[in-house]
């Protein structure tokens, strides 16, 4: 299932509000990623953005390995 499906199943009586909340959080995450990436590129160096992105990928993979098969 997708994240949006989970959100809609969690709030069956308020699907419009849950959908709006999901879209809002998604857009905030995009804007924060752009802001932090721009700050890293301006403040440290352009390669730091790649290192930061790689670290996030490693954390995401660790999350999948640890919590991916909890059924």
C-alpha atoms as a PDB file:
ATOM      1  CA  UNK A   1       0.000   0.000   0.000  1.00  0.00           C
ATOM      2  CA  UNK A   2       1.030   3.577  -0.506  1.00  0.00           C
ATOM      3  CA  UNK A   3       1.334   6.180   2.233  1.00  0.00           C
ATOM      4  CA  UNK A   4      -1.733   8.008   0.970  1.00  0.00           C
ATOM      5  CA  UNK A   5      -3.781   4.826   1.214  1.00  0.00           C
ATOM      6  CA  UNK A   6      -2.633   4.367   4.807  1.00  0.00           C
ATOM      7  CA  UNK A   7      -3.659   7.925   5.643  1.00  0.00           C
ATOM      8  CA  UNK A   8      -7.083   7.448   4.071  1.00  0.00           C
ATOM      9  CA  UNK A   9      -7.607   4.172   5.944  1.00  0.00           C
ATOM     10  CA  UNK A  10      -6.613   5.857   9.207  1.00  0.00           C
ATOM     11  CA  UNK A  11      -9.306   8.532   8.795  1.00  0.00           C
ATOM     12  CA  UNK A  12     -12.267   6.942   6.990  1.00  0.00           C
ATOM     13  CA  UNK A  13     -14.710   9.616   8.184  1.00  0.00           C
ATOM     14  CA  UNK A  14     -12.548  12.582   7.162  1.00  0.00           C
ATOM     15  CA  UNK A  15     -11.024  11.607   3.836  1.00  0.00           C
ATOM     16  CA  UNK A  16     -10.852  15.156   2.468  1.00  0.00           C
ATOM     17  CA  UNK A  17      -9.082  16.504   5.558  1.00  0.00           C
ATOM     18  CA  UNK A  18      -6.706  13.544   5.667  1.00  0.00           C
ATOM     19  CA  UNK A  19      -5.910  13.942   1.983  1.00  0.00           C
ATOM     20  CA  UNK A  20      -5.277  17.669   2.435  1.00  0.00           C
ATOM     21  CA  UNK A  21      -3.014  16.982   5.409  1.00  0.00           C
ATOM     22  CA  UNK A  22      -1.066  14.383   3.424  1.00  0.00           C
ATOM     23  CA  UNK A  23      -0.552  16.758   0.493  1.00  0.00           C
ATOM     24  CA  UNK A  24       0.470  19.571   2.844  1.00  0.00           C
ATOM     25  CA  UNK A  25       3.045  17.433   4.645  1.00  0.00           C
ATOM     26  CA  UNK A  26       4.368  16.176   1.314  1.00  0.00           C
ATOM     27  CA  UNK A  27       4.844  19.742   0.036  1.00  0.00           C
ATOM     28  CA  UNK A  28       6.511  20.855   3.276  1.00  0.00           C
ATOM     29  CA  UNK A  29       8.936  17.931   2.967  1.00  0.00           C
ATOM     30  CA  UNK A  30       9.794  18.949  -0.601  1.00  0.00           C
ATOM     31  CA  UNK A  31      10.360  22.567   0.365  1.00  0.00           C
ATOM     32  CA  UNK A  32      12.487  21.649   3.397  1.00  0.00           C
ATOM     33  CA  UNK A  33      14.599  19.363   1.230  1.00  0.00           C
ATOM     34  CA  UNK A  34      15.172  22.159  -1.255  1.00  0.00           C
ATOM     35  CA  UNK A  35      15.960  24.627   1.516  1.00  0.00           C
ATOM     36  CA  UNK A  36      18.422  22.330   3.287  1.00  0.00           C
ATOM     37  CA  UNK A  37      20.041  21.295   0.018  1.00  0.00           C
ATOM     38  CA  UNK A  38      20.468  24.927  -1.003  1.00  0.00           C
ATOM     39  CA  UNK A  39      21.908  25.824   2.391  1.00  0.00           C
ATOM     40  CA  UNK A  40      24.358  22.942   2.201  1.00  0.00           C
ATOM     41  CA  UNK A  41      25.395  23.881  -1.323  1.00  0.00           C
ATOM     42  CA  UNK A  42      25.864  27.564  -0.418  1.00  0.00           C
ATOM     43  CA  UNK A  43      27.358  27.128   3.019  1.00  0.00           C
ATOM     44  CA  UNK A  44      29.663  24.143   2.729  1.00  0.00           C
ATOM     45  CA  UNK A  45      30.154  23.002  -0.855  1.00  0.00           C
ATOM     46  CA  UNK A  46      28.252  21.380  -3.695  1.00  0.00           C
ATOM     47  CA  UNK A  47      29.744  17.898  -3.000  1.00  0.00           C
ATOM     48  CA  UNK A  48      28.368  18.114   0.544  1.00  0.00           C
ATOM     49  CA  UNK A  49      24.866  17.856  -0.897  1.00  0.00           C
ATOM     50  CA  UNK A  50      25.807  14.522  -2.467  1.00  0.00           C
ATOM     51  CA  UNK A  51      27.303  13.276   0.813  1.00  0.00           C
ATOM     52  CA  UNK A  52      24.207  14.357   2.721  1.00  0.00           C
ATOM     53  CA  UNK A  53      21.966  12.647   0.164  1.00  0.00           C
ATOM     54  CA  UNK A  54      24.058   9.485   0.405  1.00  0.00           C
ATOM     55  CA  UNK A  55      23.756   9.518   4.188  1.00  0.00           C
ATOM     56  CA  UNK A  56      19.980   9.817   3.882  1.00  0.00           C
ATOM     57  CA  UNK A  57      19.934   6.848   1.490  1.00  0.00           C
ATOM     58  CA  UNK A  58      21.935   4.759   3.979  1.00  0.00           C
ATOM     59  CA  UNK A  59      19.496   5.712   6.751  1.00  0.00           C
ATOM     60  CA  UNK A  60      16.532   4.828   4.543  1.00  0.00           C
ATOM     61  CA  UNK A  61      18.031   1.442   3.677  1.00  0.00           C
ATOM     62  CA  UNK A  62      18.723   0.744   7.348  1.00  0.00           C
ATOM     63  CA  UNK A  63      15.109   1.616   8.096  1.00  0.00           C
ATOM     64  CA  UNK A  64      13.863  -0.792   5.420  1.00  0.00           C
ATOM     65  CA  UNK A  65      16.129  -3.578   6.669  1.00  0.00           C
ATOM     66  CA  UNK A  66      15.126  -3.108  10.308  1.00  0.00           C
ATOM     67  CA  UNK A  67      11.416  -2.421   9.901  1.00  0.00           C
ATOM     68  CA  UNK A  68      10.542  -3.641   6.410  1.00  0.00           C
ATOM     69  CA  UNK A  69       9.311  -7.112   7.284  1.00  0.00           C
ATOM     70  CA  UNK A  70       7.279  -6.601  10.432  1.00  0.00           C
ATOM     71  CA  UNK A  71       4.154  -8.493   9.298  1.00  0.00           C
END
